[in-house]
Amino acid sequence: MYVRPFPGPGGRWQISKGGGFAPLWSRDGRELLFQTLDQRVIAVSYSAKGDSFAAGKPRVWSETRLLNTGGFPAYDLAPDGKRLAAILARDQAGGEPTHLTFLLNFFDELRRRAPR
């Protein structure tokens, strides 16, 4: 996995020798997270000045394996940057399939159920 400037010309800096996908900048802007090919989340600290970029040593952010979604992100960082919302691999979720519930128009539903 590599980092390149966008848009335009510039260098290319290697972040991972083992590949990866679904990169995500940390909320504080100090790390780059990505999902590995074995479905773990890795974090790499970095520094950037002008046209230069220096990556630190990649470290495992979470040993928990995520669901293989075929290259689409299976995670996102919470606003505090300390937790993930993730779709776990079946063996990590206790063998149970992952179920997601999306509640749309929450306040409309609340007004309907609790009229003034």
PDB file of N, CA and C in Angstrom:
ATOM      1  N   MET A   1       0.847  -1.154   0.000  1.00  0.00           N
ATOM      2  CA  MET A   1       0.000   0.000   0.000  1.00  0.00           C
ATOM      3  C   MET A   1       0.904   1.232   0.000  1.00  0.00           C
ATOM      4  N   TYR A   2       0.512   2.236  -0.769  1.00  0.00           N
ATOM      5  CA  TYR A   2       1.308   3.446  -0.920  1.00  0.00           C
ATOM      6  C   TYR A   2       0.461   4.687  -0.644  1.00  0.00           C
ATOM      7  N   VAL A   3       1.134   5.777  -0.289  1.00  0.00           N
ATOM      8  CA  VAL A   3       0.513   7.092  -0.141  1.00  0.00           C
ATOM      9  C   VAL A   3       1.062   7.973  -1.245  1.00  0.00           C
ATOM     10  N   ARG A   4       0.175   8.719  -1.891  1.00  0.00           N
ATOM     11  CA  ARG A   4       0.570   9.653  -2.942  1.00  0.00           C
ATOM     12  C   ARG A   4      -0.165  10.962  -2.738  1.00  0.00           C
ATOM     13  N   PRO A   5       0.397  12.070  -3.179  1.00  0.00           N
ATOM     14  CA  PRO A   5      -0.316  13.343  -3.072  1.00  0.00           C
ATOM     15  C   PRO A   5      -1.517  13.375  -4.026  1.00  0.00           C
ATOM     16  N   PHE A   6      -2.551  14.070  -3.600  1.00  0.00           N
ATOM     17  CA  PHE A   6      -3.718  14.246  -4.464  1.00  0.00           C
ATOM     18  C   PHE A   6      -4.144  15.686  -4.379  1.00  0.00           C
ATOM     19  N   PRO A   7      -4.430  16.347  -5.436  1.00  0.00           N
ATOM     20  CA  PRO A   7      -4.215  15.903  -6.811  1.00  0.00           C
ATOM     21  C   PRO A   7      -2.792  16.208  -7.231  1.00  0.00           C
ATOM     22  N   GLY A   8      -2.445  15.682  -8.346  1.00  0.00           N
ATOM     23  CA  GLY A   8      -1.207  16.119  -8.956  1.00  0.00           C
ATOM     24  C   GLY A   8       0.004  15.261  -8.754  1.00  0.00           C
ATOM     25  N   PRO A   9       1.114  15.766  -9.256  1.00  0.00           N
ATOM     26  CA  PRO A   9       2.355  15.006  -9.243  1.00  0.00           C
ATOM     27  C   PRO A   9       2.957  14.963  -7.844  1.00  0.00           C
ATOM     28  N   GLY A  10       3.902  14.098  -7.695  1.00  0.00           N
ATOM     29  CA  GLY A  10       4.614  13.999  -6.424  1.00  0.00           C
ATOM     30  C   GLY A  10       5.118  12.599  -6.208  1.00  0.00           C
ATOM     31  N   GLY A  11       5.667  12.394  -5.033  1.00  0.00           N
ATOM     32  CA  GLY A  11       6.263  11.105  -4.707  1.00  0.00           C
ATOM     33  C   GLY A  11       5.226  10.040  -4.390  1.00  0.00           C
ATOM     34  N   ARG A  12       5.748   8.883  -4.063  1.00  0.00           N
ATOM     35  CA  ARG A  12       4.933   7.741  -3.673  1.00  0.00           C
ATOM     36  C   ARG A  12       5.677   7.062  -2.536  1.00  0.00           C
ATOM     37  N   TRP A  13       5.016   6.901  -1.378  1.00  0.00           N
ATOM     38  CA  TRP A  13       5.663   6.351  -0.201  1.00  0.00           C
ATOM     39  C   TRP A  13       4.972   5.076   0.227  1.00  0.00           C
ATOM     40  N   GLN A  14       5.774   4.032   0.445  1.00  0.00           N
ATOM     41  CA  GLN A  14       5.227   2.739   0.831  1.00  0.00           C
ATOM     42  C   GLN A  14       4.819   2.745   2.301  1.00  0.00           C
ATOM     43  N   ILE A  15       3.620   2.274   2.562  1.00  0.00           N
ATOM     44  CA  ILE A  15       3.074   2.192   3.913  1.00  0.00           C
ATOM     45  C   ILE A  15       3.077   0.751   4.400  1.00  0.00           C
ATOM     46  N   SER A  16       2.785  -0.185   3.489  1.00  0.00           N
ATOM     47  CA  SER A  16       2.660  -1.588   3.851  1.00  0.00           C
ATOM     48  C   SER A  16       3.325  -2.464   2.802  1.00  0.00           C
ATOM     49  N   LYS A  17       4.090  -3.440   3.256  1.00  0.00           N
ATOM     50  CA  LYS A  17       4.695  -4.397   2.323  1.00  0.00           C
ATOM     51  C   LYS A  17       3.738  -5.533   1.997  1.00  0.00           C
ATOM     52  N   GLY A  18       2.750  -5.756   2.859  1.00  0.00           N
ATOM     53  CA  GLY A  18       1.830  -6.873   2.681  1.00  0.00           C
ATOM     54  C   GLY A  18       0.520  -6.493   2.016  1.00  0.00           C
ATOM     55  N   GLY A  19       0.422  -5.290   1.497  1.00  0.00           N
ATOM     56  CA  GLY A  19      -0.819  -4.857   0.870  1.00  0.00           C
ATOM     57  C   GLY A  19      -1.831  -4.387   1.891  1.00  0.00           C
ATOM     58  N   GLY A  20      -2.947  -3.944   1.395  1.00  0.00           N
ATOM     59  CA  GLY A  20      -4.010  -3.477   2.259  1.00  0.00           C
ATOM     60  C   GLY A  20      -5.043  -2.719   1.450  1.00  0.00           C
ATOM     61  N   PHE A  21      -6.143  -2.387   2.098  1.00  0.00           N
ATOM     62  CA  PHE A  21      -7.205  -1.639   1.442  1.00  0.00           C
ATOM     63  C   PHE A  21      -8.012  -0.899   2.503  1.00  0.00           C
ATOM     64  N   ALA A  22      -8.968  -0.127   2.068  1.00  0.00           N
ATOM     65  CA  ALA A  22      -9.852   0.659   2.931  1.00  0.00           C
ATOM     66  C   ALA A  22      -9.063   1.591   3.853  1.00  0.00           C
ATOM     67  N   PRO A  23      -8.170   2.428   3.296  1.00  0.00           N
ATOM     68  CA  PRO A  23      -7.418   3.351   4.151  1.00  0.00           C
ATOM     69  C   PRO A  23      -8.337   4.405   4.766  1.00  0.00           C
ATOM     70  N   LEU A  24      -7.957   4.845   5.955  1.00  0.00           N
ATOM     71  CA  LEU A  24      -8.758   5.819   6.696  1.00  0.00           C
ATOM     72  C   LEU A  24      -7.822   6.651   7.555  1.00  0.00           C
ATOM     73  N   TRP A  25      -7.882   7.978   7.428  1.00  0.00           N
ATOM     74  CA  TRP A  25      -7.078   8.841   8.286  1.00  0.00           C
ATOM     75  C   TRP A  25      -7.710   8.874   9.667  1.00  0.00           C
ATOM     76  N   SER A  26      -6.890   8.832  10.708  1.00  0.00           N
ATOM     77  CA  SER A  26      -7.409   8.918  12.070  1.00  0.00           C
ATOM     78  C   SER A  26      -8.054  10.284  12.279  1.00  0.00           C
ATOM     79  N   ARG A  27      -8.924  10.366  13.259  1.00  0.00           N
ATOM     80  CA  ARG A  27      -9.660  11.615  13.524  1.00  0.00           C
ATOM     81  C   ARG A  27      -8.721  12.755  13.939  1.00  0.00           C
ATOM     82  N   ASP A  28      -7.632  12.407  14.614  1.00  0.00           N
ATOM     83  CA  ASP A  28      -6.687  13.454  15.024  1.00  0.00           C
ATOM     84  C   ASP A  28      -5.643  13.740  13.943  1.00  0.00           C
ATOM     85  N   GLY A  29      -5.688  13.001  12.827  1.00  0.00           N
ATOM     86  CA  GLY A  29      -4.774  13.250  11.721  1.00  0.00           C
ATOM     87  C   GLY A  29      -3.349  12.805  11.954  1.00  0.00           C
ATOM     88  N   ARG A  30      -3.123  11.942  12.933  1.00  0.00           N
ATOM     89  CA  ARG A  30      -1.762  11.502  13.236  1.00  0.00           C
ATOM     90  C   ARG A  30      -1.423  10.115  12.706  1.00  0.00           C
ATOM     91  N   GLU A  31      -2.450   9.362  12.296  1.00  0.00           N
ATOM     92  CA  GLU A  31      -2.222   8.003  11.828  1.00  0.00           C
ATOM     93  C   GLU A  31      -3.062   7.719  10.585  1.00  0.00           C
ATOM     94  N   LEU A  32      -2.601   6.728   9.843  1.00  0.00           N
ATOM     95  CA  LEU A  32      -3.355   6.183   8.729  1.00  0.00           C
ATOM     96  C   LEU A  32      -3.699   4.750   9.107  1.00  0.00           C
ATOM     97  N   LEU A  33      -4.975   4.401   9.040  1.00  0.00           N
ATOM     98  CA  LEU A  33      -5.416   3.047   9.323  1.00  0.00           C
ATOM     99  C   LEU A  33      -5.793   2.378   8.019  1.00  0.00           C
ATOM    100  N   PHE A  34      -5.645   1.064   7.960  1.00  0.00           N
ATOM    101  CA  PHE A  34      -6.082   0.322   6.790  1.00  0.00           C
ATOM    102  C   PHE A  34      -6.364  -1.114   7.182  1.00  0.00           C
ATOM    103  N   GLN A  35      -7.102  -1.793   6.338  1.00  0.00           N
ATOM    104  CA  GLN A  35      -7.450  -3.192   6.560  1.00  0.00           C
ATOM    105  C   GLN A  35      -6.468  -4.049   5.781  1.00  0.00           C
ATOM    106  N   THR A  36      -5.920  -5.072   6.434  1.00  0.00           N
ATOM    107  CA  THR A  36      -4.967  -5.957   5.774  1.00  0.00           C
ATOM    108  C   THR A  36      -5.690  -7.048   4.999  1.00  0.00           C
ATOM    109  N   LEU A  37      -4.938  -7.768   4.212  1.00  0.00           N
ATOM    110  CA  LEU A  37      -5.514  -8.859   3.431  1.00  0.00           C
ATOM    111  C   LEU A  37      -6.006  -9.994   4.323  1.00  0.00           C
ATOM    112  N   ASP A  38      -5.478 -10.088   5.574  1.00  0.00           N
ATOM    113  CA  ASP A  38      -5.989 -11.095   6.513  1.00  0.00           C
ATOM    114  C   ASP A  38      -7.049 -10.496   7.443  1.00  0.00           C
ATOM    115  N   GLN A  39      -7.610  -9.342   7.045  1.00  0.00           N
ATOM    116  CA  GLN A  39      -8.788  -8.726   7.676  1.00  0.00           C
ATOM    117  C   GLN A  39      -8.542  -8.130   9.062  1.00  0.00           C
ATOM    118  N   ARG A  40      -7.339  -7.661   9.324  1.00  0.00           N
ATOM    119  CA  ARG A  40      -7.068  -6.962  10.579  1.00  0.00           C
ATOM    120  C   ARG A  40      -6.898  -5.480  10.289  1.00  0.00           C
ATOM    121  N   VAL A  41      -6.999  -4.655  11.324  1.00  0.00           N
ATOM    122  CA  VAL A  41      -6.819  -3.215  11.162  1.00  0.00           C
ATOM    123  C   VAL A  41      -5.419  -2.847  11.638  1.00  0.00           C
ATOM    124  N   ILE A  42      -4.696  -2.130  10.788  1.00  0.00           N
ATOM    125  CA  ILE A  42      -3.319  -1.708  11.058  1.00  0.00           C
ATOM    126  C   ILE A  42      -3.292  -0.183  11.114  1.00  0.00           C
ATOM    127  N   ALA A  43      -2.454   0.363  11.984  1.00  0.00           N
ATOM    128  CA  ALA A  43      -2.258   1.811  12.072  1.00  0.00           C
ATOM    129  C   ALA A  43      -0.797   2.134  11.798  1.00  0.00           C
ATOM    130  N   VAL A  44      -0.585   3.235  11.091  1.00  0.00           N
ATOM    131  CA  VAL A  44       0.765   3.707  10.790  1.00  0.00           C
ATOM    132  C   VAL A  44       0.811   5.195  11.130  1.00  0.00           C
ATOM    133  N   SER A  45       1.708   5.569  12.032  1.00  0.00           N
ATOM    134  CA  SER A  45       1.896   6.987  12.306  1.00  0.00           C
ATOM    135  C   SER A  45       2.720   7.569  11.153  1.00  0.00           C
ATOM    136  N   TYR A  46       2.645   8.868  11.003  1.00  0.00           N
ATOM    137  CA  TYR A  46       3.362   9.493   9.887  1.00  0.00           C
ATOM    138  C   TYR A  46       3.635  10.953  10.219  1.00  0.00           C
ATOM    139  N   SER A  47       4.518  11.528   9.428  1.00  0.00           N
ATOM    140  CA  SER A  47       4.737  12.969   9.462  1.00  0.00           C
ATOM    141  C   SER A  47       4.815  13.449   8.016  1.00  0.00           C
ATOM    142  N   ALA A  48       4.298  14.621   7.793  1.00  0.00           N
ATOM    143  CA  ALA A  48       4.303  15.183   6.440  1.00  0.00           C
ATOM    144  C   ALA A  48       4.704  16.648   6.531  1.00  0.00           C
ATOM    145  N   LYS A  49       5.644  17.039   5.682  1.00  0.00           N
ATOM    146  CA  LYS A  49       6.089  18.432   5.601  1.00  0.00           C
ATOM    147  C   LYS A  49       6.351  18.754   4.146  1.00  0.00           C
ATOM    148  N   GLY A  50       5.653  19.744   3.664  1.00  0.00           N
ATOM    149  CA  GLY A  50       5.859  20.132   2.272  1.00  0.00           C
ATOM    150  C   GLY A  50       5.613  18.972   1.340  1.00  0.00           C
ATOM    151  N   ASP A  51       6.632  18.629   0.557  1.00  0.00           N
ATOM    152  CA  ASP A  51       6.509  17.532  -0.399  1.00  0.00           C
ATOM    153  C   ASP A  51       7.042  16.209   0.133  1.00  0.00           C
ATOM    154  N   SER A  52       7.340  16.144   1.433  1.00  0.00           N
ATOM    155  CA  SER A  52       7.890  14.902   1.970  1.00  0.00           C
ATOM    156  C   SER A  52       6.882  14.232   2.908  1.00  0.00           C
ATOM    157  N   PHE A  53       6.987  12.935   2.981  1.00  0.00           N
ATOM    158  CA  PHE A  53       6.112  12.114   3.808  1.00  0.00           C
ATOM    159  C   PHE A  53       6.965  11.018   4.413  1.00  0.00           C
ATOM    160  N   ALA A  54       6.849  10.793   5.710  1.00  0.00           N
ATOM    161  CA  ALA A  54       7.607   9.732   6.375  1.00  0.00           C
ATOM    162  C   ALA A  54       6.647   8.900   7.211  1.00  0.00           C
ATOM    163  N   ALA A  55       6.583   7.627   6.908  1.00  0.00           N
ATOM    164  CA  ALA A  55       5.699   6.708   7.629  1.00  0.00           C
ATOM    165  C   ALA A  55       6.470   5.996   8.726  1.00  0.00           C
ATOM    166  N   GLY A  56       5.802   5.781   9.859  1.00  0.00           N
ATOM    167  CA  GLY A  56       6.386   5.003  10.940  1.00  0.00           C
ATOM    168  C   GLY A  56       6.205   3.516  10.687  1.00  0.00           C
ATOM    169  N   LYS A  57       6.492   2.732  11.690  1.00  0.00           N
ATOM    170  CA  LYS A  57       6.354   1.279  11.590  1.00  0.00           C
ATOM    171  C   LYS A  57       4.883   0.902  11.770  1.00  0.00           C
ATOM    172  N   PRO A  58       4.321   0.121  10.855  1.00  0.00           N
ATOM    173  CA  PRO A  58       2.925  -0.311  11.007  1.00  0.00           C
ATOM    174  C   PRO A  58       2.755  -1.138  12.281  1.00  0.00           C
ATOM    175  N   ARG A  59       1.621  -0.937  12.952  1.00  0.00           N
ATOM    176  CA  ARG A  59       1.314  -1.708  14.159  1.00  0.00           C
ATOM    177  C   ARG A  59      -0.133  -2.188  14.085  1.00  0.00           C
ATOM    178  N   VAL A  60      -0.400  -3.305  14.717  1.00  0.00           N
ATOM    179  CA  VAL A  60      -1.752  -3.844  14.736  1.00  0.00           C
ATOM    180  C   VAL A  60      -2.615  -2.961  15.627  1.00  0.00           C
ATOM    181  N   TRP A  61      -3.682  -2.415  15.072  1.00  0.00           N
ATOM    182  CA  TRP A  61      -4.619  -1.588  15.842  1.00  0.00           C
ATOM    183  C   TRP A  61      -5.637  -2.479  16.530  1.00  0.00           C
ATOM    184  N   SER A  62      -6.014  -3.576  15.860  1.00  0.00           N
ATOM    185  CA  SER A  62      -6.946  -4.537  16.448  1.00  0.00           C
ATOM    186  C   SER A  62      -6.654  -5.923  15.892  1.00  0.00           C
ATOM    187  N   GLU A  63      -6.580  -6.904  16.786  1.00  0.00           N
ATOM    188  CA  GLU A  63      -6.388  -8.300  16.370  1.00  0.00           C
ATOM    189  C   GLU A  63      -7.688  -8.911  15.866  1.00  0.00           C
ATOM    190  N   THR A  64      -8.810  -8.296  16.175  1.00  0.00           N
ATOM    191  CA  THR A  64     -10.105  -8.825  15.758  1.00  0.00           C
ATOM    192  C   THR A  64     -10.210  -8.792  14.245  1.00  0.00           C
ATOM    193  N   ARG A  65     -10.594  -9.908  13.663  1.00  0.00           N
ATOM    194  CA  ARG A  65     -10.701  -9.995  12.208  1.00  0.00           C
ATOM    195  C   ARG A  65     -12.049  -9.458  11.749  1.00  0.00           C
ATOM    196  N   LEU A  66     -12.013  -8.699  10.664  1.00  0.00           N
ATOM    197  CA  LEU A  66     -13.219  -8.122  10.089  1.00  0.00           C
ATOM    198  C   LEU A  66     -13.752  -9.018   8.985  1.00  0.00           C
ATOM    199  N   LEU A  67     -14.995  -8.796   8.627  1.00  0.00           N
ATOM    200  CA  LEU A  67     -15.604  -9.543   7.542  1.00  0.00           C
ATOM    201  C   LEU A  67     -14.914  -9.194   6.232  1.00  0.00           C
ATOM    202  N   ASN A  68     -14.678 -10.200   5.403  1.00  0.00           N
ATOM    203  CA  ASN A  68     -14.122  -9.962   4.073  1.00  0.00           C
ATOM    204  C   ASN A  68     -15.261  -9.487   3.186  1.00  0.00           C
ATOM    205  N   THR A  69     -15.253  -8.222   2.843  1.00  0.00           N
ATOM    206  CA  THR A  69     -16.338  -7.624   2.064  1.00  0.00           C
ATOM    207  C   THR A  69     -15.957  -7.451   0.601  1.00  0.00           C
ATOM    208  N   GLY A  70     -14.873  -8.063   0.189  1.00  0.00           N
ATOM    209  CA  GLY A  70     -14.459  -7.964  -1.199  1.00  0.00           C
ATOM    210  C   GLY A  70     -13.826  -6.632  -1.552  1.00  0.00           C
ATOM    211  N   GLY A  71     -13.199  -5.982  -0.595  1.00  0.00           N
ATOM    212  CA  GLY A  71     -12.499  -4.733  -0.868  1.00  0.00           C
ATOM    213  C   GLY A  71     -13.210  -3.489  -0.382  1.00  0.00           C
ATOM    214  N   PHE A  72     -14.461  -3.616   0.059  1.00  0.00           N
ATOM    215  CA  PHE A  72     -15.175  -2.465   0.613  1.00  0.00           C
ATOM    216  C   PHE A  72     -14.860  -2.351   2.093  1.00  0.00           C
ATOM    217  N   PRO A  73     -14.824  -1.140   2.637  1.00  0.00           N
ATOM    218  CA  PRO A  73     -14.526  -0.987   4.065  1.00  0.00           C
ATOM    219  C   PRO A  73     -15.526  -1.730   4.941  1.00  0.00           C
ATOM    220  N   ALA A  74     -15.020  -2.441   5.943  1.00  0.00           N
ATOM    221  CA  ALA A  74     -15.871  -3.136   6.909  1.00  0.00           C
ATOM    222  C   ALA A  74     -15.767  -2.466   8.270  1.00  0.00           C
ATOM    223  N   TYR A  75     -15.247  -1.235   8.292  1.00  0.00           N
ATOM    224  CA  TYR A  75     -15.054  -0.547   9.564  1.00  0.00           C
ATOM    225  C   TYR A  75     -15.065   0.965   9.363  1.00  0.00           C
ATOM    226  N   ASP A  76     -15.254   1.665  10.471  1.00  0.00           N
ATOM    227  CA  ASP A  76     -15.077   3.117  10.503  1.00  0.00           C
ATOM    228  C   ASP A  76     -14.730   3.486  11.929  1.00  0.00           C
ATOM    229  N   LEU A  77     -14.023   4.567  12.093  1.00  0.00           N
ATOM    230  CA  LEU A  77     -13.633   5.035  13.419  1.00  0.00           C
ATOM    231  C   LEU A  77     -14.753   5.818  14.075  1.00  0.00           C
ATOM    232  N   ALA A  78     -14.887   5.642  15.384  1.00  0.00           N
ATOM    233  CA  ALA A  78     -15.804   6.471  16.165  1.00  0.00           C
ATOM    234  C   ALA A  78     -15.237   7.894  16.201  1.00  0.00           C
ATOM    235  N   PRO A  79     -16.091   8.883  16.451  1.00  0.00           N
ATOM    236  CA  PRO A  79     -15.602  10.273  16.486  1.00  0.00           C
ATOM    237  C   PRO A  79     -14.448  10.504  17.461  1.00  0.00           C
ATOM    238  N   ASP A  80     -14.409   9.746  18.577  1.00  0.00           N
ATOM    239  CA  ASP A  80     -13.311   9.936  19.535  1.00  0.00           C
ATOM    240  C   ASP A  80     -12.018   9.264  19.076  1.00  0.00           C
ATOM    241  N   GLY A  81     -12.075   8.463  17.999  1.00  0.00           N
ATOM    242  CA  GLY A  81     -10.894   7.802  17.462  1.00  0.00           C
ATOM    243  C   GLY A  81     -10.385   6.642  18.282  1.00  0.00           C
ATOM    244  N   LYS A  82     -11.128   6.238  19.319  1.00  0.00           N
ATOM    245  CA  LYS A  82     -10.674   5.167  20.207  1.00  0.00           C
ATOM    246  C   LYS A  82     -11.359   3.835  19.944  1.00  0.00           C
ATOM    247  N   ARG A  83     -12.454   3.854  19.197  1.00  0.00           N
ATOM    248  CA  ARG A  83     -13.215   2.629  18.935  1.00  0.00           C
ATOM    249  C   ARG A  83     -13.569   2.547  17.459  1.00  0.00           C
ATOM    250  N   LEU A  84     -13.935   1.341  17.055  1.00  0.00           N
ATOM    251  CA  LEU A  84     -14.365   1.103  15.680  1.00  0.00           C
ATOM    252  C   LEU A  84     -15.810   0.639  15.661  1.00  0.00           C
ATOM    253  N   ALA A  85     -16.501   0.998  14.614  1.00  0.00           N
ATOM    254  CA  ALA A  85     -17.742   0.328  14.249  1.00  0.00           C
ATOM    255  C   ALA A  85     -17.312  -0.610  13.137  1.00  0.00           C
ATOM    256  N   ALA A  86     -17.555  -1.911  13.301  1.00  0.00           N
ATOM    257  CA  ALA A  86     -17.015  -2.872  12.350  1.00  0.00           C
ATOM    258  C   ALA A  86     -17.965  -4.037  12.142  1.00  0.00           C
ATOM    259  N   ILE A  87     -17.859  -4.621  10.970  1.00  0.00           N
ATOM    260  CA  ILE A  87     -18.557  -5.868  10.678  1.00  0.00           C
ATOM    261  C   ILE A  87     -17.521  -6.970  10.867  1.00  0.00           C
ATOM    262  N   LEU A  88     -17.751  -7.825  11.842  1.00  0.00           N
ATOM    263  CA  LEU A  88     -16.773  -8.836  12.207  1.00  0.00           C
ATOM    264  C   LEU A  88     -16.888 -10.080  11.342  1.00  0.00           C
ATOM    265  N   ALA A  89     -15.756 -10.772  11.201  1.00  0.00           N
ATOM    266  CA  ALA A  89     -15.752 -12.075  10.547  1.00  0.00           C
ATOM    267  C   ALA A  89     -16.602 -13.020  11.373  1.00  0.00           C
ATOM    268  N   ARG A  90     -17.211 -13.982  10.725  1.00  0.00           N
ATOM    269  CA  ARG A  90     -18.137 -14.892  11.408  1.00  0.00           C
ATOM    270  C   ARG A  90     -17.482 -15.571  12.612  1.00  0.00           C
ATOM    271  N   ASP A  91     -16.237 -16.022  12.494  1.00  0.00           N
ATOM    272  CA  ASP A  91     -15.582 -16.700  13.617  1.00  0.00           C
ATOM    273  C   ASP A  91     -15.269 -15.745  14.766  1.00  0.00           C
ATOM    274  N   GLN A  92     -15.230 -14.438  14.508  1.00  0.00           N
ATOM    275  CA  GLN A  92     -14.983 -13.442  15.550  1.00  0.00           C
ATOM    276  C   GLN A  92     -16.278 -13.022  16.233  1.00  0.00           C
ATOM    277  N   ALA A  93     -17.400 -13.269  15.583  1.00  0.00           N
ATOM    278  CA  ALA A  93     -18.695 -12.849  16.103  1.00  0.00           C
ATOM    279  C   ALA A  93     -19.411 -14.004  16.806  1.00  0.00           C
ATOM    280  N   GLY A  94     -18.665 -15.001  17.246  1.00  0.00           N
ATOM    281  CA  GLY A  94     -19.265 -16.116  17.960  1.00  0.00           C
ATOM    282  C   GLY A  94     -20.037 -17.062  17.057  1.00  0.00           C
ATOM    283  N   GLY A  95     -19.744 -17.055  15.763  1.00  0.00           N
ATOM    284  CA  GLY A  95     -20.417 -17.950  14.844  1.00  0.00           C
ATOM    285  C   GLY A  95     -21.777 -17.462  14.386  1.00  0.00           C
ATOM    286  N   GLU A  96     -22.240 -16.382  14.950  1.00  0.00           N
ATOM    287  CA  GLU A  96     -23.539 -15.827  14.572  1.00  0.00           C
ATOM    288  C   GLU A  96     -23.367 -14.865  13.408  1.00  0.00           C
ATOM    289  N   PRO A  97     -24.334 -14.847  12.492  1.00  0.00           N
ATOM    290  CA  PRO A  97     -24.242 -13.850  11.418  1.00  0.00           C
ATOM    291  C   PRO A  97     -24.375 -12.441  11.984  1.00  0.00           C
ATOM    292  N   THR A  98     -23.744 -11.504  11.327  1.00  0.00           N
ATOM    293  CA  THR A  98     -23.819 -10.114  11.749  1.00  0.00           C
ATOM    294  C   THR A  98     -25.151  -9.528  11.305  1.00  0.00           C
ATOM    295  N   HIS A  99     -25.837  -8.898  12.232  1.00  0.00           N
ATOM    296  CA  HIS A  99     -27.097  -8.230  11.912  1.00  0.00           C
ATOM    297  C   HIS A  99     -26.927  -6.745  12.158  1.00  0.00           C
ATOM    298  N   LEU A 100     -27.361  -5.948  11.223  1.00  0.00           N
ATOM    299  CA  LEU A 100     -27.312  -4.496  11.368  1.00  0.00           C
ATOM    300  C   LEU A 100     -28.724  -3.956  11.330  1.00  0.00           C
ATOM    301  N   THR A 101     -28.999  -2.990  12.177  1.00  0.00           N
ATOM    302  CA  THR A 101     -30.288  -2.310  12.157  1.00  0.00           C
ATOM    303  C   THR A 101     -30.023  -0.843  11.907  1.00  0.00           C
ATOM    304  N   PHE A 102     -30.651  -0.304  10.878  1.00  0.00           N
ATOM    305  CA  PHE A 102     -30.543   1.109  10.559  1.00  0.00           C
ATOM    306  C   PHE A 102     -31.855   1.773  10.911  1.00  0.00           C
ATOM    307  N   LEU A 103     -31.804   2.769  11.739  1.00  0.00           N
ATOM    308  CA  LEU A 103     -32.993   3.511  12.114  1.00  0.00           C
ATOM    309  C   LEU A 103     -32.953   4.842  11.376  1.00  0.00           C
ATOM    310  N   LEU A 104     -33.823   4.973  10.405  1.00  0.00           N
ATOM    311  CA  LEU A 104     -33.885   6.180   9.595  1.00  0.00           C
ATOM    312  C   LEU A 104     -35.002   7.078  10.105  1.00  0.00           C
ATOM    313  N   ASN A 105     -34.822   8.372   9.951  1.00  0.00           N
ATOM    314  CA  ASN A 105     -35.849   9.347  10.357  1.00  0.00           C
ATOM    315  C   ASN A 105     -36.249   9.165  11.818  1.00  0.00           C
ATOM    316  N   PHE A 106     -35.270   9.045  12.668  1.00  0.00           N
ATOM    317  CA  PHE A 106     -35.503   8.787  14.087  1.00  0.00           C
ATOM    318  C   PHE A 106     -36.451   9.804  14.714  1.00  0.00           C
ATOM    319  N   PHE A 107     -36.212  11.086  14.475  1.00  0.00           N
ATOM    320  CA  PHE A 107     -37.036  12.103  15.124  1.00  0.00           C
ATOM    321  C   PHE A 107     -38.464  12.103  14.598  1.00  0.00           C
ATOM    322  N   ASP A 108     -38.652  11.792  13.321  1.00  0.00           N
ATOM    323  CA  ASP A 108     -40.017  11.659  12.788  1.00  0.00           C
ATOM    324  C   ASP A 108     -40.741  10.522  13.488  1.00  0.00           C
ATOM    325  N   GLU A 109     -40.068   9.405  13.667  1.00  0.00           N
ATOM    326  CA  GLU A 109     -40.669   8.260  14.351  1.00  0.00           C
ATOM    327  C   GLU A 109     -40.942   8.583  15.812  1.00  0.00           C
ATOM    328  N   LEU A 110     -40.059   9.301  16.453  1.00  0.00           N
ATOM    329  CA  LEU A 110     -40.257   9.701  17.846  1.00  0.00           C
ATOM    330  C   LEU A 110     -41.476  10.599  17.978  1.00  0.00           C
ATOM    331  N   ARG A 111     -41.626  11.569  17.073  1.00  0.00           N
ATOM    332  CA  ARG A 111     -42.800  12.452  17.116  1.00  0.00           C
ATOM    333  C   ARG A 111     -44.094  11.667  16.878  1.00  0.00           C
ATOM    334  N   ARG A 112     -44.049  10.672  16.019  1.00  0.00           N
ATOM    335  CA  ARG A 112     -45.226   9.871  15.733  1.00  0.00           C
ATOM    336  C   ARG A 112     -45.638   9.057  16.956  1.00  0.00           C
ATOM    337  N   ARG A 113     -44.670   8.518  17.671  1.00  0.00           N
ATOM    338  CA  ARG A 113     -44.965   7.666  18.824  1.00  0.00           C
ATOM    339  C   ARG A 113     -45.261   8.442  20.101  1.00  0.00           C
ATOM    340  N   ALA A 114     -44.719   9.643  20.208  1.00  0.00           N
ATOM    341  CA  ALA A 114     -44.912  10.439  21.424  1.00  0.00           C
ATOM    342  C   ALA A 114     -45.400  11.829  21.048  1.00  0.00           C
ATOM    343  N   PRO A 115     -46.671  11.916  20.599  1.00  0.00           N
ATOM    344  CA  PRO A 115     -47.166  13.247  20.215  1.00  0.00           C
ATOM    345  C   PRO A 115     -47.208  14.168  21.427  1.00  0.00           C
ATOM    346  N   ARG A 116     -47.147  15.438  21.149  1.00  0.00           N
ATOM    347  CA  ARG A 116     -47.146  16.437  22.251  1.00  0.00           C
ATOM    348  C   ARG A 116     -48.429  16.483  22.975  1.00  0.00           C
TER     349      ARG A 116
END
